[in-house]
């Protein structure tokens, strides 16, 4: 029996719940939201999917329901507005996060946390520190969405299917992220050797990827399909012990010369969470970009830790 507790029933959360019921094979889905009536309405709407997609018990609940859950997915938080960076949301969403983590840990929850609220790298790092959970059992969606956007942009620019594109965005899920073009391939061929690829095109694609979230928000107010699908893939990898590689907010402990911080990097996901963080052999310029992204995150994290009060719990669980 598999059980997921979803905290946050906004655009991302409800889209994830729908995706999960369609593809995830979950047995029990609990929706927790401050708007209890809304969560109940969504639950009884979503349960109508189950006769067509697979039996599942869907209901609105509370933090205590996490006591026997396999995964707690956190999408709750203030959404980004047009013109805002993800880092602008730090103080608001940090306080929300603390109010979620404490009662979930108190419930006896012993599964994996998956974080998708922004700024996701900061909030994933704080989730681990607040909960005291082993680092491999705390995961953020990281640059999985950015990487999907890069693959879409490459496919459109070159007129090819995304299925043969192996390219990652690394670092912060935000302004300091970068595309690891030097190691990217198309059908096994180095991207930079592919016909039609030059520095001008790659610079243009970087801008497209960086700006896409803001563009979507300017038109419809929020982004949610891509990240909700990423959450479903993370769930499937953990519960299905799939050992697949995804670029997520992963705990870096010396990789890329970075320690004690979650940042977007490829990792192997399997039963129990993150099995291995993969260290790509970056070029010197890309290594500098990774370091710069980590520095930007660490500055913000240090400021946040001065503003909030919490006890860092032991991770010896």
C-alpha atoms as a PDB file:
ATOM      1  CA  UNK A   1       0.000   0.000   0.000  1.00  0.00           C
ATOM      2  CA  UNK A   2       1.372   3.412  -0.981  1.00  0.00           C
ATOM      3  CA  UNK A   3       0.341   6.633   0.692  1.00  0.00           C
ATOM      4  CA  UNK A   4       1.073  10.245  -0.241  1.00  0.00           C
ATOM      5  CA  UNK A   5       0.257  13.341   1.790  1.00  0.00           C
ATOM      6  CA  UNK A   6       0.051  16.473  -0.347  1.00  0.00           C
ATOM      7  CA  UNK A   7       0.478  19.735   1.561  1.00  0.00           C
ATOM      8  CA  UNK A   8      -0.756  22.649  -0.519  1.00  0.00           C
ATOM      9  CA  UNK A   9      -3.731  22.386  -2.860  1.00  0.00           C
ATOM     10  CA  UNK A  10      -3.032  25.285  -5.170  1.00  0.00           C
ATOM     11  CA  UNK A  11      -2.334  25.096  -8.891  1.00  0.00           C
ATOM     12  CA  UNK A  12       0.797  22.938  -8.556  1.00  0.00           C
ATOM     13  CA  UNK A  13      -0.620  20.712  -5.834  1.00  0.00           C
ATOM     14  CA  UNK A  14      -3.938  19.963  -7.506  1.00  0.00           C
ATOM     15  CA  UNK A  15      -2.264  19.346 -10.864  1.00  0.00           C
ATOM     16  CA  UNK A  16       0.165  16.941  -9.213  1.00  0.00           C
ATOM     17  CA  UNK A  17      -2.721  15.143  -7.520  1.00  0.00           C
ATOM     18  CA  UNK A  18      -4.457  14.687 -10.884  1.00  0.00           C
ATOM     19  CA  UNK A  19      -1.231  13.512 -12.536  1.00  0.00           C
ATOM     20  CA  UNK A  20      -0.532  11.128  -9.676  1.00  0.00           C
ATOM     21  CA  UNK A  21      -3.945   9.485  -9.935  1.00  0.00           C
ATOM     22  CA  UNK A  22      -3.511   9.113 -13.683  1.00  0.00           C
ATOM     23  CA  UNK A  23       0.001   7.688 -13.665  1.00  0.00           C
ATOM     24  CA  UNK A  24       1.391   7.167 -10.190  1.00  0.00           C
ATOM     25  CA  UNK A  25      -0.322   4.059  -8.883  1.00  0.00           C
ATOM     26  CA  UNK A  26      -1.003   5.533  -5.444  1.00  0.00           C
ATOM     27  CA  UNK A  27      -3.333   3.717  -3.044  1.00  0.00           C
ATOM     28  CA  UNK A  28      -4.061   6.592  -0.661  1.00  0.00           C
ATOM     29  CA  UNK A  29      -3.822  10.324  -1.323  1.00  0.00           C
ATOM     30  CA  UNK A  30      -4.408  12.822   1.480  1.00  0.00           C
ATOM     31  CA  UNK A  31      -4.805  16.511   0.631  1.00  0.00           C
ATOM     32  CA  UNK A  32      -3.923  19.032   3.343  1.00  0.00           C
ATOM     33  CA  UNK A  33      -4.588  22.741   2.888  1.00  0.00           C
ATOM     34  CA  UNK A  34      -5.447  25.691   5.136  1.00  0.00           C
ATOM     35  CA  UNK A  35      -8.572  26.004   3.013  1.00  0.00           C
ATOM     36  CA  UNK A  36     -10.099  22.803   4.323  1.00  0.00           C
ATOM     37  CA  UNK A  37     -13.297  23.220   2.343  1.00  0.00           C
ATOM     38  CA  UNK A  38     -11.336  23.650  -0.884  1.00  0.00           C
ATOM     39  CA  UNK A  39      -9.242  20.545  -0.116  1.00  0.00           C
ATOM     40  CA  UNK A  40     -12.417  18.539   0.502  1.00  0.00           C
ATOM     41  CA  UNK A  41     -13.928  19.765  -2.759  1.00  0.00           C
ATOM     42  CA  UNK A  42     -10.801  18.838  -4.676  1.00  0.00           C
ATOM     43  CA  UNK A  43     -10.686  15.408  -3.047  1.00  0.00           C
ATOM     44  CA  UNK A  44     -14.243  14.488  -3.970  1.00  0.00           C
ATOM     45  CA  UNK A  45     -13.677  15.851  -7.470  1.00  0.00           C
ATOM     46  CA  UNK A  46     -10.459  13.841  -7.890  1.00  0.00           C
ATOM     47  CA  UNK A  47     -11.985  10.617  -6.602  1.00  0.00           C
ATOM     48  CA  UNK A  48     -14.130  10.563  -9.738  1.00  0.00           C
ATOM     49  CA  UNK A  49     -10.931   9.808 -11.660  1.00  0.00           C
ATOM     50  CA  UNK A  50     -10.288   6.560  -9.798  1.00  0.00           C
ATOM     51  CA  UNK A  51     -12.819   4.251 -11.535  1.00  0.00           C
ATOM     52  CA  UNK A  52     -11.148   5.088 -14.854  1.00  0.00           C
ATOM     53  CA  UNK A  53      -7.503   5.204 -13.766  1.00  0.00           C
ATOM     54  CA  UNK A  54      -7.103   2.878 -10.791  1.00  0.00           C
ATOM     55  CA  UNK A  55      -8.510   2.447  -7.306  1.00  0.00           C
ATOM     56  CA  UNK A  56      -7.308   4.980  -4.760  1.00  0.00           C
ATOM     57  CA  UNK A  57      -8.668   6.480  -1.563  1.00  0.00           C
ATOM     58  CA  UNK A  58      -8.603  10.287  -1.914  1.00  0.00           C
ATOM     59  CA  UNK A  59      -9.605  12.534   0.961  1.00  0.00           C
ATOM     60  CA  UNK A  60      -8.873  15.815   2.723  1.00  0.00           C
ATOM     61  CA  UNK A  61      -6.941  15.396   5.935  1.00  0.00           C
ATOM     62  CA  UNK A  62      -4.420  16.957   8.275  1.00  0.00           C
ATOM     63  CA  UNK A  63      -0.775  16.704   9.281  1.00  0.00           C
ATOM     64  CA  UNK A  64      -1.407  13.743  11.577  1.00  0.00           C
ATOM     65  CA  UNK A  65      -2.270  11.683   8.496  1.00  0.00           C
ATOM     66  CA  UNK A  66       1.428  11.727   7.600  1.00  0.00           C
ATOM     67  CA  UNK A  67       2.216   9.268  10.412  1.00  0.00           C
ATOM     68  CA  UNK A  68       2.176   6.269   8.054  1.00  0.00           C
ATOM     69  CA  UNK A  69       2.767   8.007   4.708  1.00  0.00           C
ATOM     70  CA  UNK A  70       5.507   7.024   2.286  1.00  0.00           C
ATOM     71  CA  UNK A  71       5.975  10.524   0.879  1.00  0.00           C
ATOM     72  CA  UNK A  72       4.974  14.030   1.932  1.00  0.00           C
ATOM     73  CA  UNK A  73       4.896  16.425  -1.013  1.00  0.00           C
ATOM     74  CA  UNK A  74       5.070  20.116  -0.092  1.00  0.00           C
ATOM     75  CA  UNK A  75       3.766  22.600  -2.639  1.00  0.00           C
ATOM     76  CA  UNK A  76       2.334  25.060  -0.109  1.00  0.00           C
ATOM     77  CA  UNK A  77       3.622  28.603  -0.279  1.00  0.00           C
ATOM     78  CA  UNK A  78       3.102  32.037  -1.712  1.00  0.00           C
ATOM     79  CA  UNK A  79       3.307  31.785  -5.519  1.00  0.00           C
ATOM     80  CA  UNK A  80       5.640  33.916  -7.584  1.00  0.00           C
ATOM     81  CA  UNK A  81       4.094  36.984  -9.197  1.00  0.00           C
ATOM     82  CA  UNK A  82       5.050  38.604 -12.475  1.00  0.00           C
ATOM     83  CA  UNK A  83       8.311  40.498 -12.018  1.00  0.00           C
ATOM     84  CA  UNK A  84       9.297  38.620  -8.850  1.00  0.00           C
ATOM     85  CA  UNK A  85      12.280  36.313  -8.570  1.00  0.00           C
ATOM     86  CA  UNK A  86      11.933  33.031  -6.723  1.00  0.00           C
ATOM     87  CA  UNK A  87      14.261  34.388  -4.061  1.00  0.00           C
ATOM     88  CA  UNK A  88      11.814  37.223  -3.356  1.00  0.00           C
ATOM     89  CA  UNK A  89       9.603  34.577  -1.729  1.00  0.00           C
ATOM     90  CA  UNK A  90      12.168  33.452   0.839  1.00  0.00           C
ATOM     91  CA  UNK A  91      10.910  34.989   4.070  1.00  0.00           C
ATOM     92  CA  UNK A  92       7.229  34.355   3.347  1.00  0.00           C
ATOM     93  CA  UNK A  93       7.638  30.717   2.420  1.00  0.00           C
ATOM     94  CA  UNK A  94      10.232  29.905   5.080  1.00  0.00           C
ATOM     95  CA  UNK A  95       7.726  30.716   7.824  1.00  0.00           C
ATOM     96  CA  UNK A  96       5.066  28.648   6.067  1.00  0.00           C
ATOM     97  CA  UNK A  97       7.512  25.762   5.750  1.00  0.00           C
ATOM     98  CA  UNK A  98       8.336  25.705   9.457  1.00  0.00           C
ATOM     99  CA  UNK A  99       4.635  25.557  10.328  1.00  0.00           C
ATOM    100  CA  UNK A 100       4.343  22.448   8.134  1.00  0.00           C
ATOM    101  CA  UNK A 101       7.486  20.502   9.013  1.00  0.00           C
ATOM    102  CA  UNK A 102       7.129  20.593  12.797  1.00  0.00           C
ATOM    103  CA  UNK A 103       3.705  18.884  13.045  1.00  0.00           C
ATOM    104  CA  UNK A 104       4.523  16.379  10.307  1.00  0.00           C
ATOM    105  CA  UNK A 105       7.656  15.234  12.111  1.00  0.00           C
ATOM    106  CA  UNK A 106       5.670  15.149  15.363  1.00  0.00           C
ATOM    107  CA  UNK A 107       3.171  12.791  13.703  1.00  0.00           C
ATOM    108  CA  UNK A 108       5.864  10.113  13.444  1.00  0.00           C
ATOM    109  CA  UNK A 109       6.331  10.446   9.685  1.00  0.00           C
ATOM    110  CA  UNK A 110       9.316   8.369   8.531  1.00  0.00           C
ATOM    111  CA  UNK A 111       9.137   8.583   4.737  1.00  0.00           C
ATOM    112  CA  UNK A 112      10.564  11.021   2.206  1.00  0.00           C
ATOM    113  CA  UNK A 113       9.927  14.744   1.940  1.00  0.00           C
ATOM    114  CA  UNK A 114       9.605  16.107  -1.601  1.00  0.00           C
ATOM    115  CA  UNK A 115       9.603  19.910  -1.815  1.00  0.00           C
ATOM    116  CA  UNK A 116       8.301  21.992  -4.702  1.00  0.00           C
ATOM    117  CA  UNK A 117       7.665  25.422  -3.148  1.00  0.00           C
ATOM    118  CA  UNK A 118       9.996  28.288  -4.130  1.00  0.00           C
ATOM    119  CA  UNK A 119      12.796  29.066  -3.683  1.00  0.00           C
ATOM    120  CA  UNK A 120      13.033  25.305  -3.863  1.00  0.00           C
ATOM    121  CA  UNK A 121      16.756  24.858  -3.147  1.00  0.00           C
ATOM    122  CA  UNK A 122      16.586  27.014  -0.016  1.00  0.00           C
ATOM    123  CA  UNK A 123      13.362  25.422   1.213  1.00  0.00           C
ATOM    124  CA  UNK A 124      14.652  21.898   0.563  1.00  0.00           C
ATOM    125  CA  UNK A 125      17.801  22.654   2.553  1.00  0.00           C
ATOM    126  CA  UNK A 126      15.690  24.054   5.383  1.00  0.00           C
ATOM    127  CA  UNK A 127      13.320  21.079   5.276  1.00  0.00           C
ATOM    128  CA  UNK A 128      16.241  18.761   5.960  1.00  0.00           C
ATOM    129  CA  UNK A 129      17.573  20.962   8.765  1.00  0.00           C
ATOM    130  CA  UNK A 130      14.183  21.498  10.352  1.00  0.00           C
ATOM    131  CA  UNK A 131      13.193  17.835  10.171  1.00  0.00           C
ATOM    132  CA  UNK A 132      16.561  16.277  10.989  1.00  0.00           C
ATOM    133  CA  UNK A 133      15.853  13.634   8.354  1.00  0.00           C
ATOM    134  CA  UNK A 134      18.717  11.881   6.561  1.00  0.00           C
ATOM    135  CA  UNK A 135      19.650  13.986   3.552  1.00  0.00           C
ATOM    136  CA  UNK A 136      18.762  11.278   1.057  1.00  0.00           C
ATOM    137  CA  UNK A 137      15.156  11.343   2.262  1.00  0.00           C
ATOM    138  CA  UNK A 138      14.669  15.045   1.497  1.00  0.00           C
ATOM    139  CA  UNK A 139      14.416  16.026  -2.176  1.00  0.00           C
ATOM    140  CA  UNK A 140      13.435  19.152  -4.074  1.00  0.00           C
ATOM    141  CA  UNK A 141      12.208  19.375  -7.654  1.00  0.00           C
ATOM    142  CA  UNK A 142      15.301  21.474  -8.378  1.00  0.00           C
ATOM    143  CA  UNK A 143      16.204  22.008 -12.010  1.00  0.00           C
ATOM    144  CA  UNK A 144      14.064  19.169 -13.359  1.00  0.00           C
ATOM    145  CA  UNK A 145      11.644  21.730 -14.804  1.00  0.00           C
ATOM    146  CA  UNK A 146      14.453  23.938 -16.131  1.00  0.00           C
ATOM    147  CA  UNK A 147      16.020  20.900 -17.816  1.00  0.00           C
ATOM    148  CA  UNK A 148      12.712  19.990 -19.455  1.00  0.00           C
ATOM    149  CA  UNK A 149      12.452  23.560 -20.735  1.00  0.00           C
ATOM    150  CA  UNK A 150      15.964  23.330 -22.139  1.00  0.00           C
ATOM    151  CA  UNK A 151      15.136  20.111 -23.942  1.00  0.00           C
ATOM    152  CA  UNK A 152      11.984  21.663 -25.394  1.00  0.00           C
ATOM    153  CA  UNK A 153      13.918  24.727 -26.554  1.00  0.00           C
ATOM    154  CA  UNK A 154      16.642  22.588 -28.145  1.00  0.00           C
ATOM    155  CA  UNK A 155      14.090  20.383 -29.880  1.00  0.00           C
ATOM    156  CA  UNK A 156      12.228  23.348 -31.291  1.00  0.00           C
ATOM    157  CA  UNK A 157      15.375  25.163 -32.401  1.00  0.00           C
ATOM    158  CA  UNK A 158      16.833  22.107 -34.152  1.00  0.00           C
ATOM    159  CA  UNK A 159      13.568  20.576 -35.378  1.00  0.00           C
ATOM    160  CA  UNK A 160      14.124  17.279 -33.565  1.00  0.00           C
ATOM    161  CA  UNK A 161      12.376  15.151 -30.955  1.00  0.00           C
ATOM    162  CA  UNK A 162      13.235  15.776 -27.329  1.00  0.00           C
ATOM    163  CA  UNK A 163      13.549  12.011 -26.780  1.00  0.00           C
ATOM    164  CA  UNK A 164      17.155  11.964 -28.010  1.00  0.00           C
ATOM    165  CA  UNK A 165      18.271  15.066 -26.108  1.00  0.00           C
ATOM    166  CA  UNK A 166      20.364  14.574 -22.978  1.00  0.00           C
ATOM    167  CA  UNK A 167      20.926  18.024 -21.482  1.00  0.00           C
ATOM    168  CA  UNK A 168      20.674  19.387 -17.957  1.00  0.00           C
ATOM    169  CA  UNK A 169      20.271  22.753 -16.303  1.00  0.00           C
ATOM    170  CA  UNK A 170      22.255  22.829 -13.059  1.00  0.00           C
ATOM    171  CA  UNK A 171      22.486  25.035  -9.976  1.00  0.00           C
ATOM    172  CA  UNK A 172      19.700  27.121  -8.531  1.00  0.00           C
ATOM    173  CA  UNK A 173      16.174  26.744  -9.819  1.00  0.00           C
ATOM    174  CA  UNK A 174      16.266  30.429 -10.634  1.00  0.00           C
ATOM    175  CA  UNK A 175      18.377  33.250 -11.984  1.00  0.00           C
ATOM    176  CA  UNK A 176      21.817  31.746 -11.278  1.00  0.00           C
ATOM    177  CA  UNK A 177      21.084  28.436 -13.001  1.00  0.00           C
ATOM    178  CA  UNK A 178      23.055  27.494 -16.105  1.00  0.00           C
ATOM    179  CA  UNK A 179      22.803  25.046 -18.971  1.00  0.00           C
ATOM    180  CA  UNK A 180      25.571  22.433 -18.969  1.00  0.00           C
ATOM    181  CA  UNK A 181      26.073  22.558 -22.717  1.00  0.00           C
ATOM    182  CA  UNK A 182      29.594  21.118 -22.695  1.00  0.00           C
ATOM    183  CA  UNK A 183      28.321  17.697 -21.603  1.00  0.00           C
ATOM    184  CA  UNK A 184      24.975  17.743 -23.448  1.00  0.00           C
ATOM    185  CA  UNK A 185      24.350  15.251 -26.228  1.00  0.00           C
ATOM    186  CA  UNK A 186      21.839  14.616 -29.001  1.00  0.00           C
ATOM    187  CA  UNK A 187      21.415  10.930 -29.818  1.00  0.00           C
ATOM    188  CA  UNK A 188      24.797  10.365 -28.192  1.00  0.00           C
ATOM    189  CA  UNK A 189      26.531  13.055 -30.236  1.00  0.00           C
ATOM    190  CA  UNK A 190      28.013  16.081 -28.430  1.00  0.00           C
ATOM    191  CA  UNK A 191      25.567  18.959 -28.659  1.00  0.00           C
ATOM    192  CA  UNK A 192      28.241  21.431 -29.725  1.00  0.00           C
ATOM    193  CA  UNK A 193      29.119  19.198 -32.707  1.00  0.00           C
ATOM    194  CA  UNK A 194      25.508  18.984 -33.877  1.00  0.00           C
ATOM    195  CA  UNK A 195      24.677  20.759 -37.163  1.00  0.00           C
ATOM    196  CA  UNK A 196      23.235  24.236 -36.632  1.00  0.00           C
ATOM    197  CA  UNK A 197      24.531  24.592 -33.066  1.00  0.00           C
ATOM    198  CA  UNK A 198      26.765  27.565 -32.294  1.00  0.00           C
ATOM    199  CA  UNK A 199      27.439  29.879 -29.365  1.00  0.00           C
ATOM    200  CA  UNK A 200      24.840  32.396 -30.531  1.00  0.00           C
ATOM    201  CA  UNK A 201      22.094  29.761 -30.563  1.00  0.00           C
ATOM    202  CA  UNK A 202      23.093  28.403 -27.154  1.00  0.00           C
ATOM    203  CA  UNK A 203      23.068  31.893 -25.628  1.00  0.00           C
ATOM    204  CA  UNK A 204      19.601  32.455 -27.087  1.00  0.00           C
ATOM    205  CA  UNK A 205      18.341  29.155 -25.669  1.00  0.00           C
ATOM    206  CA  UNK A 206      19.720  30.025 -22.224  1.00  0.00           C
ATOM    207  CA  UNK A 207      17.660  33.222 -22.263  1.00  0.00           C
ATOM    208  CA  UNK A 208      14.546  31.351 -23.390  1.00  0.00           C
ATOM    209  CA  UNK A 209      14.893  28.836 -20.557  1.00  0.00           C
ATOM    210  CA  UNK A 210      15.547  31.523 -17.929  1.00  0.00           C
ATOM    211  CA  UNK A 211      12.605  33.640 -19.057  1.00  0.00           C
ATOM    212  CA  UNK A 212      10.008  30.949 -19.714  1.00  0.00           C
ATOM    213  CA  UNK A 213       8.576  30.771 -16.207  1.00  0.00           C
ATOM    214  CA  UNK A 214       8.067  34.530 -16.101  1.00  0.00           C
ATOM    215  CA  UNK A 215       6.489  34.460 -19.542  1.00  0.00           C
ATOM    216  CA  UNK A 216       3.993  31.797 -18.504  1.00  0.00           C
ATOM    217  CA  UNK A 217       3.152  33.696 -15.316  1.00  0.00           C
ATOM    218  CA  UNK A 218       2.582  36.917 -17.283  1.00  0.00           C
ATOM    219  CA  UNK A 219       0.009  35.151 -19.461  1.00  0.00           C
ATOM    220  CA  UNK A 220      -1.830  32.834 -17.054  1.00  0.00           C
ATOM    221  CA  UNK A 221      -0.667  33.679 -13.542  1.00  0.00           C
ATOM    222  CA  UNK A 222       1.187  30.471 -12.646  1.00  0.00           C
ATOM    223  CA  UNK A 223       3.196  27.546 -13.966  1.00  0.00           C
ATOM    224  CA  UNK A 224       2.189  24.060 -12.911  1.00  0.00           C
ATOM    225  CA  UNK A 225       1.984  21.331 -15.556  1.00  0.00           C
ATOM    226  CA  UNK A 226       5.732  20.754 -15.901  1.00  0.00           C
ATOM    227  CA  UNK A 227       6.618  20.794 -12.216  1.00  0.00           C
ATOM    228  CA  UNK A 228       3.592  18.634 -11.349  1.00  0.00           C
ATOM    229  CA  UNK A 229       4.797  16.036 -13.842  1.00  0.00           C
ATOM    230  CA  UNK A 230       8.265  16.223 -12.308  1.00  0.00           C
ATOM    231  CA  UNK A 231       6.749  15.513  -8.887  1.00  0.00           C
ATOM    232  CA  UNK A 232       4.974  12.472 -10.312  1.00  0.00           C
ATOM    233  CA  UNK A 233       8.227  11.149 -11.800  1.00  0.00           C
ATOM    234  CA  UNK A 234       9.975  11.605  -8.454  1.00  0.00           C
ATOM    235  CA  UNK A 235       7.163   9.724  -6.696  1.00  0.00           C
ATOM    236  CA  UNK A 236       7.294   6.897  -9.205  1.00  0.00           C
ATOM    237  CA  UNK A 237      11.083   6.623  -8.926  1.00  0.00           C
ATOM    238  CA  UNK A 238      10.949   6.329  -5.136  1.00  0.00           C
ATOM    239  CA  UNK A 239       7.953   4.044  -4.754  1.00  0.00           C
ATOM    240  CA  UNK A 240       8.918   1.928  -7.764  1.00  0.00           C
ATOM    241  CA  UNK A 241      12.615   1.762  -6.845  1.00  0.00           C
ATOM    242  CA  UNK A 242      13.342   2.750 -10.441  1.00  0.00           C
ATOM    243  CA  UNK A 243      16.901   4.051 -10.046  1.00  0.00           C
ATOM    244  CA  UNK A 244      16.401   6.774 -12.646  1.00  0.00           C
ATOM    245  CA  UNK A 245      18.474   9.938 -13.049  1.00  0.00           C
ATOM    246  CA  UNK A 246      16.741  13.280 -12.585  1.00  0.00           C
ATOM    247  CA  UNK A 247      18.168  16.776 -12.007  1.00  0.00           C
ATOM    248  CA  UNK A 248      16.706  17.578  -8.587  1.00  0.00           C
ATOM    249  CA  UNK A 249      17.563  19.664  -5.540  1.00  0.00           C
ATOM    250  CA  UNK A 250      20.132  17.222  -4.201  1.00  0.00           C
ATOM    251  CA  UNK A 251      22.309  17.378  -1.074  1.00  0.00           C
ATOM    252  CA  UNK A 252      25.843  18.260  -2.116  1.00  0.00           C
ATOM    253  CA  UNK A 253      28.528  16.964   0.211  1.00  0.00           C
ATOM    254  CA  UNK A 254      31.709  17.799  -1.611  1.00  0.00           C
ATOM    255  CA  UNK A 255      30.414  17.361  -5.143  1.00  0.00           C
ATOM    256  CA  UNK A 256      31.387  20.305  -7.340  1.00  0.00           C
ATOM    257  CA  UNK A 257      33.368  21.627  -4.347  1.00  0.00           C
ATOM    258  CA  UNK A 258      30.094  22.459  -2.542  1.00  0.00           C
ATOM    259  CA  UNK A 259      29.086  21.188   0.882  1.00  0.00           C
ATOM    260  CA  UNK A 260      26.002  21.428   3.095  1.00  0.00           C
ATOM    261  CA  UNK A 261      23.601  22.796   0.496  1.00  0.00           C
ATOM    262  CA  UNK A 262      20.875  21.426  -1.765  1.00  0.00           C
ATOM    263  CA  UNK A 263      21.284  22.490  -5.372  1.00  0.00           C
ATOM    264  CA  UNK A 264      20.104  21.343  -8.793  1.00  0.00           C
ATOM    265  CA  UNK A 265      22.228  18.380  -9.869  1.00  0.00           C
ATOM    266  CA  UNK A 266      21.576  14.975 -11.439  1.00  0.00           C
ATOM    267  CA  UNK A 267      20.885  12.258  -8.898  1.00  0.00           C
ATOM    268  CA  UNK A 268      19.782   8.638  -8.921  1.00  0.00           C
ATOM    269  CA  UNK A 269      16.341   8.273  -7.334  1.00  0.00           C
ATOM    270  CA  UNK A 270      15.213   4.943  -5.938  1.00  0.00           C
ATOM    271  CA  UNK A 271      13.541   3.433  -2.881  1.00  0.00           C
ATOM    272  CA  UNK A 272      14.289   5.610   0.126  1.00  0.00           C
ATOM    273  CA  UNK A 273      14.967   8.746  -1.911  1.00  0.00           C
ATOM    274  CA  UNK A 274      18.310   9.799  -3.339  1.00  0.00           C
ATOM    275  CA  UNK A 275      20.597   6.831  -3.890  1.00  0.00           C
ATOM    276  CA  UNK A 276      23.534   8.712  -5.421  1.00  0.00           C
ATOM    277  CA  UNK A 277      24.347  12.304  -6.366  1.00  0.00           C
ATOM    278  CA  UNK A 278      26.140  12.282  -9.701  1.00  0.00           C
ATOM    279  CA  UNK A 279      29.008  14.693 -10.196  1.00  0.00           C
ATOM    280  CA  UNK A 280      29.278  15.734 -13.833  1.00  0.00           C
ATOM    281  CA  UNK A 281      32.736  16.489 -15.169  1.00  0.00           C
ATOM    282  CA  UNK A 282      32.038  20.163 -15.824  1.00  0.00           C
ATOM    283  CA  UNK A 283      34.242  22.461 -17.831  1.00  0.00           C
ATOM    284  CA  UNK A 284      36.112  25.170 -15.924  1.00  0.00           C
ATOM    285  CA  UNK A 285      33.585  27.842 -16.918  1.00  0.00           C
ATOM    286  CA  UNK A 286      30.616  25.681 -15.925  1.00  0.00           C
ATOM    287  CA  UNK A 287      32.276  24.798 -12.616  1.00  0.00           C
ATOM    288  CA  UNK A 288      32.588  28.524 -11.893  1.00  0.00           C
ATOM    289  CA  UNK A 289      28.889  28.953 -12.649  1.00  0.00           C
ATOM    290  CA  UNK A 290      28.018  26.114 -10.296  1.00  0.00           C
ATOM    291  CA  UNK A 291      30.111  27.698  -7.552  1.00  0.00           C
ATOM    292  CA  UNK A 292      28.520  31.099  -8.182  1.00  0.00           C
ATOM    293  CA  UNK A 293      25.041  29.579  -7.910  1.00  0.00           C
ATOM    294  CA  UNK A 294      25.983  27.913  -4.618  1.00  0.00           C
ATOM    295  CA  UNK A 295      27.392  31.176  -3.270  1.00  0.00           C
ATOM    296  CA  UNK A 296      24.186  33.023  -4.150  1.00  0.00           C
ATOM    297  CA  UNK A 297      22.118  30.369  -2.368  1.00  0.00           C
ATOM    298  CA  UNK A 298      24.374  30.339   0.692  1.00  0.00           C
ATOM    299  CA  UNK A 299      24.109  34.112   1.123  1.00  0.00           C
ATOM    300  CA  UNK A 300      20.315  33.905   1.125  1.00  0.00           C
ATOM    301  CA  UNK A 301      20.300  30.840   3.369  1.00  0.00           C
ATOM    302  CA  UNK A 302      22.494  32.570   5.945  1.00  0.00           C
ATOM    303  CA  UNK A 303      20.122  35.534   6.002  1.00  0.00           C
ATOM    304  CA  UNK A 304      17.106  33.267   6.413  1.00  0.00           C
ATOM    305  CA  UNK A 305      18.684  31.373   9.294  1.00  0.00           C
ATOM    306  CA  UNK A 306      19.244  34.647  11.122  1.00  0.00           C
ATOM    307  CA  UNK A 307      15.573  35.532  10.737  1.00  0.00           C
ATOM    308  CA  UNK A 308      13.996  32.262  11.839  1.00  0.00           C
ATOM    309  CA  UNK A 309      14.325  30.364  15.060  1.00  0.00           C
ATOM    310  CA  UNK A 310      14.743  26.617  14.907  1.00  0.00           C
ATOM    311  CA  UNK A 311      16.728  23.816  16.368  1.00  0.00           C
ATOM    312  CA  UNK A 312      18.676  21.750  13.867  1.00  0.00           C
ATOM    313  CA  UNK A 313      17.619  18.215  14.698  1.00  0.00           C
ATOM    314  CA  UNK A 314      19.864  15.185  14.550  1.00  0.00           C
ATOM    315  CA  UNK A 315      19.743  13.305  11.262  1.00  0.00           C
ATOM    316  CA  UNK A 316      20.421   9.978  12.940  1.00  0.00           C
ATOM    317  CA  UNK A 317      17.025   8.478  12.239  1.00  0.00           C
END
